[in-house]
PDB file of N, CA and C in Angstrom:
ATOM      1  N   UNK A   1       0.833  -1.257   0.048  1.00  0.00           N
ATOM      2  CA  UNK A   1      -0.013  -0.011   0.001  1.00  0.00           C
ATOM      3  C   UNK A   1       0.824   1.167  -0.041  1.00  0.00           C
ATOM      4  N   UNK A   2       2.069   1.136   0.695  1.00  0.00           N
ATOM      5  CA  UNK A   2       2.944   2.362   0.692  1.00  0.00           C
ATOM      6  C   UNK A   2       3.567   2.708  -0.639  1.00  0.00           C
ATOM      7  N   UNK A   3       3.832   1.590  -1.232  1.00  0.00           N
ATOM      8  CA  UNK A   3       4.467   1.845  -2.512  1.00  0.00           C
ATOM      9  C   UNK A   3       3.471   2.353  -3.584  1.00  0.00           C
ATOM     10  N   UNK A   4       2.242   2.118  -3.477  1.00  0.00           N
ATOM     11  CA  UNK A   4       1.316   2.677  -4.438  1.00  0.00           C
ATOM     12  C   UNK A   4       1.132   4.154  -4.078  1.00  0.00           C
ATOM     13  N   UNK A   5       1.044   4.521  -2.754  1.00  0.00           N
ATOM     14  CA  UNK A   5       0.898   5.863  -2.209  1.00  0.00           C
ATOM     15  C   UNK A   5       2.172   6.637  -2.705  1.00  0.00           C
ATOM     16  N   UNK A   6       3.393   6.180  -2.730  1.00  0.00           N
ATOM     17  CA  UNK A   6       4.605   6.712  -3.317  1.00  0.00           C
ATOM     18  C   UNK A   6       4.580   6.968  -4.655  1.00  0.00           C
ATOM     19  N   UNK A   7       4.086   6.007  -5.452  1.00  0.00           N
ATOM     20  CA  UNK A   7       4.029   6.111  -6.770  1.00  0.00           C
ATOM     21  C   UNK A   7       2.956   7.187  -7.277  1.00  0.00           C
ATOM     22  N   UNK A   8       1.811   7.366  -6.573  1.00  0.00           N
ATOM     23  CA  UNK A   8       0.829   8.483  -6.777  1.00  0.00           C
ATOM     24  C   UNK A   8       1.399   9.826  -6.631  1.00  0.00           C
ATOM     25  N   UNK A   9       2.216   9.837  -5.572  1.00  0.00           N
ATOM     26  CA  UNK A   9       3.070  11.154  -5.284  1.00  0.00           C
ATOM     27  C   UNK A   9       4.076  11.501  -6.419  1.00  0.00           C
ATOM     28  N   UNK A  10       4.666  10.517  -6.781  1.00  0.00           N
ATOM     29  CA  UNK A  10       5.669  10.799  -7.860  1.00  0.00           C
ATOM     30  C   UNK A  10       4.931  11.009  -9.171  1.00  0.00           C
ATOM     31  N   UNK A  11       3.847  10.429  -9.403  1.00  0.00           N
ATOM     32  CA  UNK A  11       3.165  10.774 -10.665  1.00  0.00           C
ATOM     33  C   UNK A  11       2.510  12.165 -10.607  1.00  0.00           C
ATOM     34  N   UNK A  12       1.882  12.547  -9.436  1.00  0.00           N
ATOM     35  CA  UNK A  12       1.479  13.901  -9.299  1.00  0.00           C
ATOM     36  C   UNK A  12       2.513  15.006  -9.346  1.00  0.00           C
ATOM     37  N   UNK A  13       3.570  14.703  -8.805  1.00  0.00           N
ATOM     38  CA  UNK A  13       4.706  15.687  -8.840  1.00  0.00           C
ATOM     39  C   UNK A  13       5.162  15.884 -10.338  1.00  0.00           C
ATOM     40  N   UNK A  14       5.323  14.657 -10.983  1.00  0.00           N
ATOM     41  CA  UNK A  14       5.799  14.685 -12.429  1.00  0.00           C
ATOM     42  C   UNK A  14       4.805  15.534 -13.291  1.00  0.00           C
ATOM     43  N   UNK A  15       3.534  15.289 -13.065  1.00  0.00           N
ATOM     44  CA  UNK A  15       2.438  15.964 -13.920  1.00  0.00           C
ATOM     45  C   UNK A  15       2.588  17.470 -13.486  1.00  0.00           C
ATOM     46  N   UNK A  16       2.893  17.792 -12.354  1.00  0.00           N
ATOM     47  CA  UNK A  16       2.875  19.224 -11.960  1.00  0.00           C
ATOM     48  C   UNK A  16       4.088  19.967 -12.661  1.00  0.00           C
ATOM     49  N   UNK A  17       5.288  19.108 -12.713  1.00  0.00           N
ATOM     50  CA  UNK A  17       6.471  19.683 -13.289  1.00  0.00           C
ATOM     51  C   UNK A  17       6.245  19.901 -14.708  1.00  0.00           C
ATOM     52  N   UNK A  18       5.687  18.850 -15.434  1.00  0.00           N
ATOM     53  CA  UNK A  18       5.378  19.016 -16.767  1.00  0.00           C
ATOM     54  C   UNK A  18       4.400  19.986 -17.132  1.00  0.00           C
ATOM     55  N   UNK A  19       3.471  20.453 -16.314  1.00  0.00           N
ATOM     56  CA  UNK A  19       2.511  21.458 -16.618  1.00  0.00           C
ATOM     57  C   UNK A  19       3.141  22.748 -16.427  1.00  0.00           C
ATOM     58  N   UNK A  20       4.137  22.940 -15.414  1.00  0.00           N
ATOM     59  CA  UNK A  20       4.939  24.207 -15.349  1.00  0.00           C
ATOM     60  C   UNK A  20       5.682  24.436 -16.510  1.00  0.00           C
ATOM     61  N   UNK A  21       6.401  23.492 -16.932  1.00  0.00           N
ATOM     62  CA  UNK A  21       7.340  23.527 -18.043  1.00  0.00           C
ATOM     63  C   UNK A  21       6.614  23.979 -19.362  1.00  0.00           C
ATOM     64  N   UNK A  22       5.564  23.189 -19.610  1.00  0.00           N
ATOM     65  CA  UNK A  22       4.623  23.561 -20.706  1.00  0.00           C
ATOM     66  C   UNK A  22       4.117  25.108 -20.646  1.00  0.00           C
ATOM     67  N   UNK A  23       3.685  25.508 -19.522  1.00  0.00           N
ATOM     68  CA  UNK A  23       3.167  26.813 -19.257  1.00  0.00           C
ATOM     69  C   UNK A  23       4.388  27.786 -19.462  1.00  0.00           C
ATOM     70  N   UNK A  24       5.510  27.623 -18.990  1.00  0.00           N
ATOM     71  CA  UNK A  24       6.670  28.355 -19.202  1.00  0.00           C
ATOM     72  C   UNK A  24       6.936  28.580 -20.668  1.00  0.00           C
ATOM     73  N   UNK A  25       6.940  27.421 -21.392  1.00  0.00           N
ATOM     74  CA  UNK A  25       7.144  27.421 -22.808  1.00  0.00           C
ATOM     75  C   UNK A  25       6.168  28.229 -23.553  1.00  0.00           C
ATOM     76  N   UNK A  26       4.911  28.163 -23.270  1.00  0.00           N
ATOM     77  CA  UNK A  26       3.854  28.851 -23.729  1.00  0.00           C
ATOM     78  C   UNK A  26       4.075  30.400 -23.538  1.00  0.00           C
ATOM     79  N   UNK A  27       4.594  30.749 -22.275  1.00  0.00           N
ATOM     80  CA  UNK A  27       4.728  32.218 -21.990  1.00  0.00           C
ATOM     81  C   UNK A  27       5.882  32.690 -22.763  1.00  0.00           C
ATOM     82  N   UNK A  28       6.997  31.812 -23.021  1.00  0.00           N
ATOM     83  CA  UNK A  28       8.143  32.221 -23.898  1.00  0.00           C
ATOM     84  C   UNK A  28       7.730  32.382 -25.178  1.00  0.00           C
ATOM     85  N   UNK A  29       6.888  31.596 -25.713  1.00  0.00           N
ATOM     86  CA  UNK A  29       6.391  31.804 -27.098  1.00  0.00           C
ATOM     87  C   UNK A  29       5.626  32.976 -27.392  1.00  0.00           C
ATOM     88  N   UNK A  30       4.640  33.207 -26.500  1.00  0.00           N
ATOM     89  CA  UNK A  30       3.959  34.565 -26.678  1.00  0.00           C
ATOM     90  C   UNK A  30       4.693  35.754 -26.595  1.00  0.00           C
ATOM     91  N   UNK A  31       5.713  35.858 -25.810  1.00  0.00           N
ATOM     92  CA  UNK A  31       6.714  37.031 -25.545  1.00  0.00           C
ATOM     93  C   UNK A  31       7.630  37.250 -26.692  1.00  0.00           C
ATOM     94  N   UNK A  32       8.103  36.052 -27.243  1.00  0.00           N
ATOM     95  CA  UNK A  32       9.280  36.177 -28.227  1.00  0.00           C
ATOM     96  C   UNK A  32       8.813  35.989 -29.609  1.00  0.00           C
ATOM     97  N   UNK A  33       7.790  35.381 -29.930  1.00  0.00           N
ATOM     98  CA  UNK A  33       7.340  35.160 -31.320  1.00  0.00           C
ATOM     99  C   UNK A  33       6.320  36.235 -31.677  1.00  0.00           C
ATOM    100  N   UNK A  34       6.486  36.929 -32.800  1.00  0.00           N
ATOM    101  CA  UNK A  34       5.613  38.046 -33.043  1.00  0.00           C
ATOM    102  C   UNK A  34       4.184  37.309 -33.392  1.00  0.00           C
ATOM    103  N   UNK A  35       3.117  38.219 -33.210  1.00  0.00           N
ATOM    104  CA  UNK A  35       1.741  37.843 -33.176  1.00  0.00           C
ATOM    105  C   UNK A  35       1.428  37.870 -34.814  1.00  0.00           C
ATOM    106  N   UNK A  36       1.170  36.626 -35.380  1.00  0.00           N
ATOM    107  CA  UNK A  36       0.951  36.625 -36.876  1.00  0.00           C
ATOM    108  C   UNK A  36      -0.410  37.346 -37.302  1.00  0.00           C
ATOM    109  N   UNK A  37      -1.177  37.675 -36.338  1.00  0.00           N
ATOM    110  CA  UNK A  37      -2.449  38.360 -36.565  1.00  0.00           C
ATOM    111  C   UNK A  37      -2.403  39.932 -36.541  1.00  0.00           C
ATOM    112  N   UNK A  38      -1.244  40.388 -35.808  1.00  0.00           N
ATOM    113  CA  UNK A  38      -0.961  41.902 -35.688  1.00  0.00           C
ATOM    114  C   UNK A  38      -0.418  42.480 -37.014  1.00  0.00           C
ATOM    115  N   UNK A  39      -1.083  43.427 -37.504  1.00  0.00           N
ATOM    116  CA  UNK A  39      -0.474  44.125 -38.630  1.00  0.00           C
ATOM    117  C   UNK A  39       0.900  44.646 -38.458  1.00  0.00           C
ATOM    118  N   UNK A  40       1.799  44.363 -39.560  1.00  0.00           N
ATOM    119  CA  UNK A  40       3.177  44.923 -39.422  1.00  0.00           C
ATOM    120  C   UNK A  40       3.202  46.317 -40.112  1.00  0.00           C
ATOM    121  N   UNK A  41       3.939  47.077 -39.411  1.00  0.00           N
ATOM    122  CA  UNK A  41       4.150  48.423 -40.096  1.00  0.00           C
ATOM    123  C   UNK A  41       4.909  48.559 -41.315  1.00  0.00           C
ATOM    124  N   UNK A  42       4.535  49.201 -42.258  1.00  0.00           N
ATOM    125  CA  UNK A  42       5.173  49.174 -43.428  1.00  0.00           C
ATOM    126  C   UNK A  42       6.651  49.707 -43.276  1.00  0.00           C
ATOM    127  N   UNK A  43       7.019  50.339 -42.252  1.00  0.00           N
ATOM    128  CA  UNK A  43       8.190  50.832 -42.101  1.00  0.00           C
ATOM    129  C   UNK A  43       9.358  49.712 -41.691  1.00  0.00           C
ATOM    130  N   UNK A  44       8.747  48.698 -41.134  1.00  0.00           N
ATOM    131  CA  UNK A  44       9.656  47.580 -40.834  1.00  0.00           C
ATOM    132  C   UNK A  44       9.258  46.124 -41.515  1.00  0.00           C
ATOM    133  N   UNK A  45       8.279  46.275 -42.383  1.00  0.00           N
ATOM    134  CA  UNK A  45       7.895  45.155 -43.071  1.00  0.00           C
ATOM    135  C   UNK A  45       8.985  44.662 -44.222  1.00  0.00           C
ATOM    136  N   UNK A  46       9.285  43.352 -44.202  1.00  0.00           N
ATOM    137  CA  UNK A  46      10.287  42.860 -45.134  1.00  0.00           C
ATOM    138  C   UNK A  46       9.878  41.379 -45.774  1.00  0.00           C
ATOM    139  N   UNK A  47      10.555  41.069 -46.798  1.00  0.00           N
ATOM    140  CA  UNK A  47      10.313  39.759 -47.199  1.00  0.00           C
ATOM    141  C   UNK A  47      11.694  38.923 -47.324  1.00  0.00           C
ATOM    142  N   UNK A  48      12.807  39.810 -47.285  1.00  0.00           N
ATOM    143  CA  UNK A  48      14.145  39.149 -47.489  1.00  0.00           C
ATOM    144  C   UNK A  48      15.178  40.053 -46.611  1.00  0.00           C
ATOM    145  N   UNK A  49      16.398  39.610 -46.253  1.00  0.00           N
ATOM    146  CA  UNK A  49      17.314  40.411 -45.501  1.00  0.00           C
ATOM    147  C   UNK A  49      17.720  41.725 -46.300  1.00  0.00           C
ATOM    148  N   UNK A  50      17.742  41.619 -47.526  1.00  0.00           N
ATOM    149  CA  UNK A  50      18.159  42.826 -48.298  1.00  0.00           C
ATOM    150  C   UNK A  50      17.154  43.876 -48.256  1.00  0.00           C
ATOM    151  N   UNK A  51      15.887  43.670 -47.824  1.00  0.00           N
ATOM    152  CA  UNK A  51      14.892  44.628 -47.514  1.00  0.00           C
ATOM    153  C   UNK A  51      15.224  45.621 -46.354  1.00  0.00           C
ATOM    154  N   UNK A  52      15.963  45.253 -45.432  1.00  0.00           N
ATOM    155  CA  UNK A  52      16.232  45.914 -44.273  1.00  0.00           C
ATOM    156  C   UNK A  52      17.502  46.605 -44.246  1.00  0.00           C
ATOM    157  N   UNK A  53      17.649  47.827 -43.809  1.00  0.00           N
ATOM    158  CA  UNK A  53      18.887  48.639 -43.670  1.00  0.00           C
ATOM    159  C   UNK A  53      18.849  49.468 -42.466  1.00  0.00           C
ATOM    160  N   UNK A  54      19.976  49.819 -41.934  1.00  0.00           N
ATOM    161  CA  UNK A  54      19.963  50.857 -40.742  1.00  0.00           C
ATOM    162  C   UNK A  54      19.207  52.018 -41.235  1.00  0.00           C
ATOM    163  N   UNK A  55      18.522  52.690 -40.162  1.00  0.00           N
ATOM    164  CA  UNK A  55      17.702  53.856 -40.292  1.00  0.00           C
ATOM    165  C   UNK A  55      18.370  55.192 -40.920  1.00  0.00           C
ATOM    166  N   UNK A  56      19.765  55.145 -40.715  1.00  0.00           N
ATOM    167  CA  UNK A  56      20.541  56.198 -41.022  1.00  0.00           C
ATOM    168  C   UNK A  56      21.939  55.833 -41.175  1.00  0.00           C
ATOM    169  N   UNK A  57      22.897  56.696 -41.873  1.00  0.00           N
ATOM    170  CA  UNK A  57      24.130  56.240 -42.034  1.00  0.00           C
ATOM    171  C   UNK A  57      24.970  56.490 -40.638  1.00  0.00           C
ATOM    172  N   UNK A  58      24.911  57.638 -40.111  1.00  0.00           N
ATOM    173  CA  UNK A  58      25.676  57.828 -38.870  1.00  0.00           C
ATOM    174  C   UNK A  58      24.966  57.347 -37.775  1.00  0.00           C
ATOM    175  N   UNK A  59      25.452  56.513 -36.956  1.00  0.00           N
ATOM    176  CA  UNK A  59      25.159  56.136 -35.692  1.00  0.00           C
ATOM    177  C   UNK A  59      23.664  55.559 -35.766  1.00  0.00           C
ATOM    178  N   UNK A  60      23.207  54.697 -36.478  1.00  0.00           N
ATOM    179  CA  UNK A  60      21.907  54.208 -36.684  1.00  0.00           C
ATOM    180  C   UNK A  60      21.459  53.641 -35.372  1.00  0.00           C
ATOM    181  N   UNK A  61      20.050  53.769 -35.056  1.00  0.00           N
ATOM    182  CA  UNK A  61      19.583  53.268 -33.779  1.00  0.00           C
ATOM    183  C   UNK A  61      18.635  52.093 -34.010  1.00  0.00           C
ATOM    184  N   UNK A  62      18.083  51.889 -35.225  1.00  0.00           N
ATOM    185  CA  UNK A  62      17.202  50.804 -35.560  1.00  0.00           C
ATOM    186  C   UNK A  62      17.287  50.439 -37.041  1.00  0.00           C
ATOM    187  N   UNK A  63      16.652  49.524 -37.457  1.00  0.00           N
ATOM    188  CA  UNK A  63      16.593  49.027 -38.967  1.00  0.00           C
ATOM    189  C   UNK A  63      15.172  49.192 -39.263  1.00  0.00           C
ATOM    190  N   UNK A  64      15.102  49.535 -40.616  1.00  0.00           N
ATOM    191  CA  UNK A  64      13.876  49.797 -41.377  1.00  0.00           C
ATOM    192  C   UNK A  64      13.772  49.259 -42.694  1.00  0.00           C
ATOM    193  N   UNK A  65      12.726  49.194 -43.219  1.00  0.00           N
ATOM    194  CA  UNK A  65      12.611  48.800 -44.685  1.00  0.00           C
ATOM    195  C   UNK A  65      13.399  49.781 -45.316  1.00  0.00           C
ATOM    196  N   UNK A  66      14.182  49.408 -46.457  1.00  0.00           N
ATOM    197  CA  UNK A  66      15.114  50.434 -47.192  1.00  0.00           C
ATOM    198  C   UNK A  66      14.333  51.532 -47.833  1.00  0.00           C
ATOM    199  N   UNK A  67      12.936  51.477 -48.080  1.00  0.00           N
ATOM    200  CA  UNK A  67      12.314  52.777 -48.551  1.00  0.00           C
ATOM    201  C   UNK A  67      12.011  53.721 -47.526  1.00  0.00           C
ATOM    202  N   UNK A  68      12.249  53.426 -46.296  1.00  0.00           N
ATOM    203  CA  UNK A  68      12.012  54.431 -45.319  1.00  0.00           C
ATOM    204  C   UNK A  68      13.221  54.898 -44.491  1.00  0.00           C
ATOM    205  N   UNK A  69      14.514  54.522 -45.106  1.00  0.00           N
ATOM    206  CA  UNK A  69      15.812  54.978 -44.551  1.00  0.00           C
ATOM    207  C   UNK A  69      15.889  56.454 -44.688  1.00  0.00           C
ATOM    208  N   UNK A  70      16.634  57.198 -43.704  1.00  0.00           N
ATOM    209  CA  UNK A  70      16.747  58.613 -43.984  1.00  0.00           C
ATOM    210  C   UNK A  70      17.633  58.736 -45.075  1.00  0.00           C
ATOM    211  N   UNK A  71      17.721  59.899 -45.740  1.00  0.00           N
ATOM    212  CA  UNK A  71      18.494  60.113 -46.790  1.00  0.00           C
ATOM    213  C   UNK A  71      19.983  60.156 -46.336  1.00  0.00           C
ATOM    214  N   UNK A  72      20.923  59.624 -47.067  1.00  0.00           N
ATOM    215  CA  UNK A  72      22.205  59.516 -46.736  1.00  0.00           C
ATOM    216  C   UNK A  72      22.974  60.973 -46.300  1.00  0.00           C
ATOM    217  N   UNK A  73      23.383  60.944 -45.026  1.00  0.00           N
ATOM    218  CA  UNK A  73      24.045  62.226 -44.585  1.00  0.00           C
ATOM    219  C   UNK A  73      25.459  62.352 -45.189  1.00  0.00           C
ATOM    220  N   UNK A  74      25.931  63.537 -44.992  1.00  0.00           N
ATOM    221  CA  UNK A  74      27.302  63.720 -45.504  1.00  0.00           C
ATOM    222  C   UNK A  74      28.280  63.073 -44.534  1.00  0.00           C
ATOM    223  N   UNK A  75      29.094  62.257 -45.043  1.00  0.00           N
ATOM    224  CA  UNK A  75      29.895  61.294 -44.231  1.00  0.00           C
ATOM    225  C   UNK A  75      31.135  62.178 -43.308  1.00  0.00           C
ATOM    226  N   UNK A  76      31.299  63.415 -43.643  1.00  0.00           N
ATOM    227  CA  UNK A  76      32.109  64.204 -42.997  1.00  0.00           C
ATOM    228  C   UNK A  76      31.634  64.574 -41.492  1.00  0.00           C
ATOM    229  N   UNK A  77      30.278  64.453 -41.490  1.00  0.00           N
ATOM    230  CA  UNK A  77      29.590  64.787 -40.103  1.00  0.00           C
ATOM    231  C   UNK A  77      29.570  63.417 -39.069  1.00  0.00           C
ATOM    232  N   UNK A  78      30.019  62.244 -39.750  1.00  0.00           N
ATOM    233  CA  UNK A  78      29.959  61.168 -38.822  1.00  0.00           C
ATOM    234  C   UNK A  78      31.374  61.057 -38.073  1.00  0.00           C
ATOM    235  N   UNK A  79      31.153  60.447 -37.017  1.00  0.00           N
ATOM    236  CA  UNK A  79      32.422  60.210 -35.991  1.00  0.00           C
ATOM    237  C   UNK A  79      32.742  58.659 -36.112  1.00  0.00           C
ATOM    238  N   UNK A  80      33.843  58.319 -35.925  1.00  0.00           N
ATOM    239  CA  UNK A  80      34.330  56.893 -35.817  1.00  0.00           C
ATOM    240  C   UNK A  80      33.892  56.237 -34.485  1.00  0.00           C
ATOM    241  N   UNK A  81      33.212  56.812 -33.615  1.00  0.00           N
ATOM    242  CA  UNK A  81      32.716  56.249 -32.463  1.00  0.00           C
ATOM    243  C   UNK A  81      31.836  55.203 -32.805  1.00  0.00           C
ATOM    244  N   UNK A  82      31.919  54.084 -31.824  1.00  0.00           N
ATOM    245  CA  UNK A  82      30.888  53.019 -32.126  1.00  0.00           C
ATOM    246  C   UNK A  82      29.839  53.248 -30.961  1.00  0.00           C
ATOM    247  N   UNK A  83      28.884  54.167 -31.215  1.00  0.00           N
ATOM    248  CA  UNK A  83      27.938  54.447 -30.278  1.00  0.00           C
ATOM    249  C   UNK A  83      26.792  53.372 -30.136  1.00  0.00           C
ATOM    250  N   UNK A  84      26.425  52.866 -31.244  1.00  0.00           N
ATOM    251  CA  UNK A  84      25.162  52.009 -31.247  1.00  0.00           C
ATOM    252  C   UNK A  84      25.691  50.621 -31.806  1.00  0.00           C
ATOM    253  N   UNK A  85      24.842  49.583 -31.434  1.00  0.00           N
ATOM    254  CA  UNK A  85      25.300  48.241 -31.872  1.00  0.00           C
ATOM    255  C   UNK A  85      25.270  48.095 -33.363  1.00  0.00           C
ATOM    256  N   UNK A  86      24.682  49.032 -34.043  1.00  0.00           N
ATOM    257  CA  UNK A  86      24.719  48.878 -35.616  1.00  0.00           C
ATOM    258  C   UNK A  86      26.123  49.525 -36.143  1.00  0.00           C
ATOM    259  N   UNK A  87      26.807  50.270 -35.187  1.00  0.00           N
ATOM    260  CA  UNK A  87      28.042  50.853 -35.737  1.00  0.00           C
ATOM    261  C   UNK A  87      29.146  49.895 -35.748  1.00  0.00           C
ATOM    262  N   UNK A  88      30.063  50.063 -36.533  1.00  0.00           N
ATOM    263  CA  UNK A  88      31.293  49.368 -36.658  1.00  0.00           C
ATOM    264  C   UNK A  88      31.139  47.898 -36.960  1.00  0.00           C
ATOM    265  N   UNK A  89      30.062  47.587 -37.546  1.00  0.00           N
ATOM    266  CA  UNK A  89      29.800  46.058 -38.009  1.00  0.00           C
ATOM    267  C   UNK A  89      29.506  45.136 -36.947  1.00  0.00           C
ATOM    268  N   UNK A  90      29.022  45.547 -35.701  1.00  0.00           N
ATOM    269  CA  UNK A  90      28.866  44.718 -34.588  1.00  0.00           C
ATOM    270  C   UNK A  90      27.451  44.012 -34.795  1.00  0.00           C
ATOM    271  N   UNK A  91      26.554  44.437 -35.732  1.00  0.00           N
ATOM    272  CA  UNK A  91      25.322  43.900 -35.866  1.00  0.00           C
ATOM    273  C   UNK A  91      24.822  44.372 -37.178  1.00  0.00           C
ATOM    274  N   UNK A  92      23.911  43.521 -37.808  1.00  0.00           N
ATOM    275  CA  UNK A  92      23.430  43.775 -39.212  1.00  0.00           C
ATOM    276  C   UNK A  92      21.960  43.472 -39.206  1.00  0.00           C
ATOM    277  N   UNK A  93      21.312  44.245 -40.277  1.00  0.00           N
ATOM    278  CA  UNK A  93      20.030  44.037 -40.284  1.00  0.00           C
ATOM    279  C   UNK A  93      19.533  42.738 -40.878  1.00  0.00           C
ATOM    280  N   UNK A  94      18.476  42.198 -40.493  1.00  0.00           N
ATOM    281  CA  UNK A  94      17.968  40.903 -40.952  1.00  0.00           C
ATOM    282  C   UNK A  94      16.438  40.952 -41.073  1.00  0.00           C
ATOM    283  N   UNK A  95      15.857  40.242 -41.721  1.00  0.00           N
ATOM    284  CA  UNK A  95      14.442  40.124 -41.964  1.00  0.00           C
ATOM    285  C   UNK A  95      14.010  38.817 -41.141  1.00  0.00           C
ATOM    286  N   UNK A  96      13.120  38.928 -40.233  1.00  0.00           N
ATOM    287  CA  UNK A  96      12.770  37.724 -39.260  1.00  0.00           C
ATOM    288  C   UNK A  96      11.141  37.987 -39.181  1.00  0.00           C
ATOM    289  N   UNK A  97      10.337  36.981 -39.395  1.00  0.00           N
ATOM    290  CA  UNK A  97       8.934  37.011 -39.458  1.00  0.00           C
ATOM    291  C   UNK A  97       8.349  38.198 -40.124  1.00  0.00           C
ATOM    292  N   UNK A  98       8.840  38.549 -41.379  1.00  0.00           N
ATOM    293  CA  UNK A  98       8.478  39.708 -42.014  1.00  0.00           C
ATOM    294  C   UNK A  98       8.622  40.965 -41.370  1.00  0.00           C
ATOM    295  N   UNK A  99       9.577  40.882 -40.469  1.00  0.00           N
ATOM    296  CA  UNK A  99       9.951  42.346 -39.760  1.00  0.00           C
ATOM    297  C   UNK A  99      11.460  42.582 -39.629  1.00  0.00           C
ATOM    298  N   UNK A 100      11.900  43.798 -39.922  1.00  0.00           N
ATOM    299  CA  UNK A 100      13.225  44.125 -39.853  1.00  0.00           C
ATOM    300  C   UNK A 100      13.603  43.948 -38.447  1.00  0.00           C
ATOM    301  N   UNK A 101      14.785  43.300 -38.324  1.00  0.00           N
ATOM    302  CA  UNK A 101      15.349  43.073 -36.920  1.00  0.00           C
ATOM    303  C   UNK A 101      16.948  43.395 -37.035  1.00  0.00           C
ATOM    304  N   UNK A 102      17.625  43.217 -35.940  1.00  0.00           N
ATOM    305  CA  UNK A 102      18.795  43.383 -35.725  1.00  0.00           C
ATOM    306  C   UNK A 102      19.532  42.022 -35.172  1.00  0.00           C
ATOM    307  N   UNK A 103      20.636  41.641 -35.926  1.00  0.00           N
ATOM    308  CA  UNK A 103      21.251  40.435 -35.468  1.00  0.00           C
ATOM    309  C   UNK A 103      22.687  40.811 -35.172  1.00  0.00           C
ATOM    310  N   UNK A 104      23.132  40.359 -33.933  1.00  0.00           N
ATOM    311  CA  UNK A 104      24.314  40.565 -33.407  1.00  0.00           C
ATOM    312  C   UNK A 104      25.373  39.824 -34.250  1.00  0.00           C
ATOM    313  N   UNK A 105      26.523  40.490 -34.508  1.00  0.00           N
ATOM    314  CA  UNK A 105      27.611  39.747 -35.180  1.00  0.00           C
ATOM    315  C   UNK A 105      28.533  39.348 -34.131  1.00  0.00           C
ATOM    316  N   UNK A 106      28.675  38.117 -33.694  1.00  0.00           N
ATOM    317  CA  UNK A 106      29.478  37.702 -32.464  1.00  0.00           C
ATOM    318  C   UNK A 106      30.991  37.800 -32.601  1.00  0.00           C
ATOM    319  N   UNK A 107      31.498  37.775 -33.716  1.00  0.00           N
ATOM    320  CA  UNK A 107      32.923  37.780 -33.802  1.00  0.00           C
ATOM    321  C   UNK A 107      33.557  39.219 -33.927  1.00  0.00           C
ATOM    322  N   UNK A 108      32.723  40.196 -33.614  1.00  0.00           N
ATOM    323  CA  UNK A 108      33.406  41.612 -33.657  1.00  0.00           C
ATOM    324  C   UNK A 108      33.522  42.042 -32.180  1.00  0.00           C
TER     325      UNK A 108
END
């Protein structure tokens, strides 16, 4: 009888742990995967990596569709400081889930 009681306790504990893991994965999915029903702004909509570019030439802060990038500034006004992650080749624009995003380049 005691073995049966211990087996039930183990089964209940296992089911509880599995439920917690599945709930955690669901929360992770909701937070990090874009909502497919949400309309994507045309400023960040893309179909391939080439559609995405930094928003400006000097110290870009985000990536946008190439049609919405600011006009190229005079390069003499740019500094050589690596102020943002997109400066100095530390990251590059990519297209993920039809949205322009930033991918870190790890070897820089």
